[in-house]
Protein backbone atom coordinates (compact mmCIF):
# COMPACT_ATOMS: atom_id res chain seq x y z
CA MET A 1 -2.35 -11.94 -10.79
CA ASP A 2 -6.27 -12.06 -10.16
CA LEU A 3 -6.86 -11.37 -6.93
CA ALA A 4 -9.23 -13.73 -6.72
CA ALA A 5 -6.42 -16.51 -6.53
CA SER A 6 -5.65 -15.08 -2.91
CA ARG A 7 -5.72 -17.25 0.19
CA ARG A 8 -8.45 -14.59 1.84
CA GLY A 9 -12.36 -14.78 -0.21
CA ARG A 10 -13.23 -11.57 -1.56
CA ALA A 11 -16.92 -11.70 -1.74
CA TRP A 12 -17.59 -7.85 -2.03
CA ARG A 13 -15.11 -7.65 -5.42
CA ALA A 14 -16.56 -10.91 -6.66
CA LEU A 15 -20.09 -9.46 -7.05
CA PHE A 16 -18.08 -5.73 -8.03
CA ALA A 17 -16.69 -8.55 -10.97
CA ALA A 18 -20.20 -10.27 -11.67
CA THR A 19 -22.09 -6.85 -11.91
CA LEU A 20 -19.85 -4.50 -13.25
CA VAL A 21 -17.93 -6.87 -15.86
CA THR A 22 -20.46 -9.26 -16.15
CA LEU A 23 -22.76 -6.48 -17.98
CA ALA A 24 -20.41 -7.65 -20.61
CA GLY A 25 -22.79 -10.68 -20.85
CA ALA A 26 -20.08 -13.04 -19.46
CA ALA A 27 -18.95 -13.95 -15.68
CA LEU A 28 -15.71 -12.62 -14.47
CA VAL A 29 -15.14 -14.20 -11.23
CA GLY A 30 -12.67 -16.82 -9.19
CA GLY A 31 -9.27 -16.46 -10.94
CA ALA A 32 -10.76 -16.45 -14.69
CA SER A 33 -9.17 -14.46 -16.98
CA ASP A 34 -9.71 -11.89 -19.63
CA ALA A 35 -11.32 -13.16 -22.57
CA SER A 36 -9.80 -12.98 -25.82
CA ALA A 37 -10.30 -9.60 -28.11
CA GLU A 38 -12.36 -11.05 -30.60
CA GLN A 39 -14.74 -12.14 -27.37
CA MET A 40 -14.82 -9.37 -25.70
CA SER A 41 -15.88 -7.63 -29.13
CA ARG A 42 -18.70 -9.32 -28.68
CA ARG A 43 -19.62 -8.53 -25.20
CA ALA A 44 -21.76 -5.45 -24.15
CA TRP A 45 -20.75 -3.18 -21.85
CA LEU A 46 -23.09 -0.95 -19.96
CA GLY A 47 -20.43 0.17 -16.96
CA VAL A 48 -22.49 -0.08 -13.91
CA GLU A 49 -21.68 -1.78 -10.72
CA LEU A 50 -25.05 -3.22 -9.29
CA ALA A 51 -26.88 -4.50 -6.00
CA PRO A 52 -30.38 -4.82 -5.16
CA GLY A 53 -32.80 -2.12 -4.42
CA PRO A 54 -34.13 -1.48 -0.70
CA ALA A 55 -37.66 -2.05 -1.99
CA GLY A 56 -37.67 -2.93 -5.80
CA GLY A 57 -35.60 -2.07 -8.63
CA VAL A 58 -31.66 -2.31 -9.03
CA ILE A 59 -29.39 0.46 -7.78
CA ALA A 60 -26.39 2.05 -9.51
CA LYS A 61 -23.64 1.56 -6.95
CA HIS A 62 -20.92 2.86 -9.18
CA VAL A 63 -21.30 4.29 -12.22
CA VAL A 64 -16.95 3.99 -14.29
CA THR A 65 -16.47 7.63 -15.64
CA SER A 66 -16.50 7.16 -19.63
CA SER A 67 -18.99 4.21 -19.63
CA PRO A 68 -21.95 3.97 -21.90
CA ALA A 69 -24.36 4.59 -18.63
CA ALA A 70 -22.07 8.00 -17.39
CA LYS A 71 -22.27 9.00 -21.03
CA ALA A 72 -26.56 8.63 -21.02
CA GLY A 73 -26.15 11.03 -17.97
CA MET A 74 -26.29 8.02 -15.18
CA VAL A 75 -24.65 9.05 -11.76
CA ASP A 76 -23.78 7.11 -8.57
CA GLY A 77 -26.96 6.48 -6.68
CA ASP A 78 -29.35 6.01 -9.20
CA LEU A 79 -32.22 3.72 -9.15
CA LEU A 80 -32.96 2.16 -11.69
CA VAL A 81 -36.78 0.38 -12.08
CA ALA A 82 -37.35 -0.76 -15.67
CA ALA A 83 -35.05 -1.93 -18.67
CA ASP A 84 -37.16 -1.91 -22.20
CA GLY A 85 -40.45 -1.38 -19.99
CA VAL A 86 -39.55 -4.34 -18.39
CA PRO A 87 -39.79 -4.03 -14.17
CA LEU A 88 -36.22 -4.76 -12.65
CA GLU A 89 -36.57 -6.39 -9.07
CA ASP A 90 -32.76 -7.97 -9.26
CA PRO A 91 -29.38 -6.85 -10.70
CA LYS A 92 -29.42 -10.39 -12.88
CA GLN A 93 -32.72 -8.95 -15.15
CA LEU A 94 -30.49 -5.87 -16.18
CA ILE A 95 -27.40 -8.17 -16.91
CA ALA A 96 -29.30 -10.29 -19.20
CA ARG A 97 -30.81 -7.61 -20.92
CA VAL A 98 -27.47 -6.08 -21.94
CA ALA A 99 -25.82 -9.49 -23.04
CA LEU A 100 -29.12 -10.00 -25.22
CA ALA A 101 -28.67 -6.59 -26.47
CA GLY A 102 -25.38 -6.69 -27.30
CA PRO A 103 -22.79 -4.06 -28.84
CA GLY A 104 -23.45 -1.65 -30.79
CA ASN A 105 -27.43 -1.26 -29.20
CA VAL A 106 -29.39 0.65 -26.97
CA VAL A 107 -31.02 -0.43 -23.58
CA ASN A 108 -33.69 2.11 -22.77
CA LEU A 109 -33.67 2.36 -18.59
CA ARG A 110 -36.11 4.63 -16.73
CA ILE A 111 -34.21 5.89 -13.38
CA ARG A 112 -35.31 7.51 -10.06
CA ARG A 113 -33.46 10.25 -8.50
CA GLY A 114 -34.32 12.57 -6.06
CA GLY A 115 -37.28 11.07 -6.37
CA ARG A 116 -38.21 11.95 -10.32
CA GLU A 117 -37.97 9.28 -12.99
CA ARG A 118 -36.43 10.13 -16.30
CA ASP A 119 -35.61 7.89 -19.18
CA VAL A 120 -31.90 7.12 -20.08
CA ALA A 121 -31.24 5.41 -22.98
CA PRO A 122 -27.89 4.56 -23.54
CA THR A 123 -25.67 3.07 -26.27
CA LEU A 124 -24.52 -0.32 -25.34
CA ALA A 125 -20.40 -0.61 -25.69
CA PRO A 126 -17.92 -3.16 -26.57
CA PHE A 127 -16.51 -4.45 -23.50
CA PRO A 128 -13.06 -3.22 -23.39
CA GLY A 129 -10.91 -5.82 -21.10
CA ARG A 130 -11.18 -4.60 -16.67
CA ASP A 131 -7.51 -2.95 -17.23
CA GLN A 132 -8.97 -0.35 -19.30
CA ILE A 133 -12.49 -0.32 -17.48
CA LEU A 134 -9.97 0.59 -14.13
CA ARG A 135 -8.36 3.69 -16.46
CA LEU A 136 -11.40 4.93 -17.66
CA ASP A 137 -12.75 5.34 -14.43
CA LYS A 138 -9.21 6.74 -12.53
CA VAL A 139 -7.65 8.60 -15.26
CA GLY A 140 -7.72 11.95 -14.75
CA THR A 141 -9.67 11.56 -11.04
CA ARG A 142 -8.80 13.00 -7.82
CA ALA A 143 -6.90 10.13 -5.91
CA PRO A 144 -8.75 8.81 -3.30
CA ASP A 145 -7.37 8.55 0.43
CA LEU A 146 -5.45 6.10 2.13
CA LYS A 147 -7.17 4.30 4.15
CA ALA A 148 -6.24 2.81 7.69
CA LEU A 149 -2.91 1.96 6.10
CA VAL A 150 0.04 0.44 8.84
CA THR A 151 3.57 1.48 8.74
CA VAL A 152 5.56 -1.49 7.31
CA SER A 153 9.07 0.57 6.47
CA GLY A 154 9.87 4.10 5.51
CA THR A 155 7.54 7.07 5.73
CA VAL A 156 3.78 6.15 5.04
CA PRO A 157 1.71 8.91 4.66
CA ALA A 158 -1.72 9.28 6.55
CA THR A 159 -3.44 11.04 3.57
CA VAL A 160 -3.33 11.76 -0.14
CA GLY A 161 -3.19 15.43 1.06
CA ALA A 162 0.21 14.88 2.34
CA LEU A 163 1.52 13.92 -0.79
CA ARG A 164 0.82 16.64 -2.39
CA GLY A 165 3.13 19.04 -4.31
CA ASN A 166 5.24 14.95 -5.00
CA VAL A 167 4.04 13.13 -8.19
CA VAL A 168 3.53 9.31 -6.40
CA LEU A 169 4.01 5.98 -7.31
CA LEU A 170 1.03 4.22 -5.23
CA ASP A 171 1.69 0.25 -5.82
CA PHE A 172 -0.61 -2.39 -4.99
CA TRP A 173 1.04 -5.77 -4.63
CA ALA A 174 1.07 -8.81 -2.27
CA THR A 175 3.46 -11.43 -0.80
CA TRP A 176 1.80 -14.56 -2.87
CA CYS A 177 1.72 -12.54 -6.31
CA ALA A 178 4.85 -13.61 -8.20
CA PRO A 179 4.54 -10.64 -10.88
CA CYS A 180 4.41 -7.81 -8.02
CA ARG A 181 8.17 -9.25 -7.09
CA LEU A 182 9.37 -9.04 -9.84
CA MET A 183 8.26 -4.95 -9.89
CA ALA A 184 9.76 -4.47 -6.54
CA PRO A 185 13.70 -3.80 -8.40
CA GLN A 186 12.27 -1.51 -10.84
CA LEU A 187 9.97 0.38 -8.32
CA SER A 188 13.39 0.54 -5.91
CA LYS A 189 15.21 1.79 -8.91
CA TRP A 190 13.09 4.66 -9.84
CA HIS A 191 13.28 5.26 -5.76
CA ALA A 192 16.77 5.92 -5.77
CA THR A 193 16.62 7.77 -9.48
CA TYR A 194 14.19 10.39 -8.84
CA ALA A 195 13.36 10.11 -4.90
CA ALA A 196 15.63 13.79 -4.64
CA GLN A 197 13.39 15.53 -7.48
CA GLY A 198 10.25 14.79 -5.73
CA LEU A 199 9.14 11.26 -6.50
CA ARG A 200 7.31 8.76 -3.79
CA VAL A 201 7.07 5.39 -4.16
CA VAL A 202 4.82 3.88 -1.82
CA GLY A 203 3.99 0.11 -2.11
CA VAL A 204 0.81 -1.21 -0.49
CA THR A 205 -0.05 -4.72 0.45
CA SER A 206 -2.90 -6.68 1.53
CA ASP A 207 -0.71 -8.83 3.66
CA ASN A 208 -0.05 -8.13 8.13
CA VAL A 209 2.72 -5.96 8.66
CA GLY A 210 4.67 -9.59 9.71
CA VAL A 211 4.60 -10.83 6.63
CA ALA A 212 5.61 -7.83 4.35
CA THR A 213 8.22 -6.74 6.70
CA LYS A 214 9.68 -9.98 6.11
CA THR A 215 9.26 -10.16 2.24
CA ALA A 216 10.10 -6.27 1.80
CA GLN A 217 12.97 -6.98 3.42
CA ALA A 218 13.71 -9.69 1.24
CA LEU A 219 13.35 -7.98 -1.77
CA ALA A 220 15.05 -5.05 -1.08
CA MET A 221 12.31 -2.41 -1.49
CA ARG A 222 13.84 0.85 -0.69
CA TYR A 223 10.95 2.76 -0.94
CA ALA A 224 7.95 2.81 1.28
CA VAL A 225 6.13 0.62 2.13
CA ALA A 226 2.16 -0.21 4.46
CA SER A 227 0.13 -2.62 5.04
CA ASP A 228 -3.72 -2.74 3.57
CA ALA A 229 -4.80 -5.79 5.50
CA ALA A 230 -8.54 -4.64 5.97
CA GLU A 231 -8.19 -3.93 2.15
CA ALA A 232 -9.71 -0.61 2.74
CA THR A 233 -7.41 1.64 0.86
CA SER A 234 -7.21 -1.07 -2.11
CA ALA A 235 -11.61 -1.01 -2.41
CA ALA A 236 -10.95 2.89 -2.33
CA TYR A 237 -8.97 2.79 -5.56
CA GLY A 238 -10.91 0.15 -7.18
CA VAL A 239 -7.68 -2.67 -7.37
CA SER A 240 -9.29 -5.75 -8.36
CA ALA A 241 -5.61 -7.23 -9.70
CA LEU A 242 -1.80 -7.78 -8.89
CA PRO A 243 0.26 -5.62 -9.15
CA THR A 244 -1.79 -2.66 -10.20
CA MET A 245 0.31 0.96 -10.01
CA PHE A 246 -1.02 4.17 -9.88
CA VAL A 247 0.81 7.37 -11.16
CA ILE A 248 -0.34 10.55 -8.96
CA ASP A 249 0.52 13.99 -10.25
CA LYS A 250 1.62 16.66 -7.68
CA LYS A 251 -2.23 18.11 -7.45
CA GLY A 252 -3.11 14.73 -6.58
CA ILE A 253 -4.74 13.75 -10.37
CA ILE A 254 -3.87 10.19 -11.52
CA ARG A 255 -2.39 10.48 -14.49
CA GLU A 256 -2.14 6.52 -15.04
CA VAL A 257 -2.65 2.83 -13.89
CA LEU A 258 -0.91 -0.22 -15.21
CA VAL A 259 -2.04 -3.22 -14.31
CA GLY A 260 0.25 -6.50 -13.96
CA TYR A 261 3.60 -6.59 -14.53
CA ASP A 262 4.52 -5.22 -18.36
CA PRO A 263 8.43 -4.17 -18.94
CA SER A 264 7.36 -3.03 -22.42
CA ARG A 265 5.66 -0.32 -20.50
CA HIS A 266 8.63 0.99 -18.06
CA ALA A 267 10.10 3.31 -20.52
CA GLN A 268 6.60 4.81 -20.89
CA ILE A 269 6.06 5.08 -17.22
CA GLU A 270 9.36 6.69 -16.57
CA LYS A 271 8.73 9.30 -19.35
CA LEU A 272 5.68 10.02 -17.54
CA LEU A 273 7.36 10.41 -14.35
CA GLN A 274 10.29 12.75 -15.81
CA ALA A 275 7.09 15.06 -17.32
CA LEU A 276 5.13 15.14 -13.98
CA LEU A 277 8.16 15.72 -11.83
CA ALA A 278 9.06 18.71 -14.19
CA GLU A 279 5.35 20.88 -14.18
CA PRO A 280 5.47 23.33 -11.32
CA ALA A 281 4.27 22.59 -7.87
CA PRO A 282 0.64 23.64 -7.30
């Protein structure tokens, strides 16, 4: 379920979709679903979250790991000053340029970093889909810290560091999200089966404590539940759809991401949990 369908607007996330995803040439805002595989293959992807520069140009707020931009040497904070020789003043210019170029083609970018300018030439890739973008960006990286979580039930860690030595399932959910409700029994089952071996399951919801408490009780959530009403932790993890679950190993590295409710992948996730639990403590 798309977070944009929530009763609360998420302006920053709409901007993220409209810049990071629209670099494929078509907007993904509101409740729009991912395009078909054929449509996605025709959309070009650069892999950068954009923002207007303070005095001209376009800021690369975030460069997705393993994206065309990252492979070309771009990093967070780069100022893009021109694309194919055309000065950039607005993110929409680059979005249009990428859409026009298409997958497999090169966009010549001039960037400024540390007061020096350089040229990069990323080869645009077919748009991989938002779920795969999240996997590319997060799998293999250190889990971001937990921010401003309020305990709803169970023992909620104050930081990701407090979970070091445990395998962690971090599940982002909300009361209004029907697939999230379907996921809860499976999370409770994994908690019951593997908690004694070192698995920690933490459900993070955008609901306030009162609403979350009622839902956690109604769904018999046996694992820790926290309220992320300000959505600071959701933002840190780049969550744009619910449910989204991160598998984190004992060293604090994200090893897998599951977006949506997909029972066909549960056996794969459980096998991964067993393998990670068998690894030695750091």
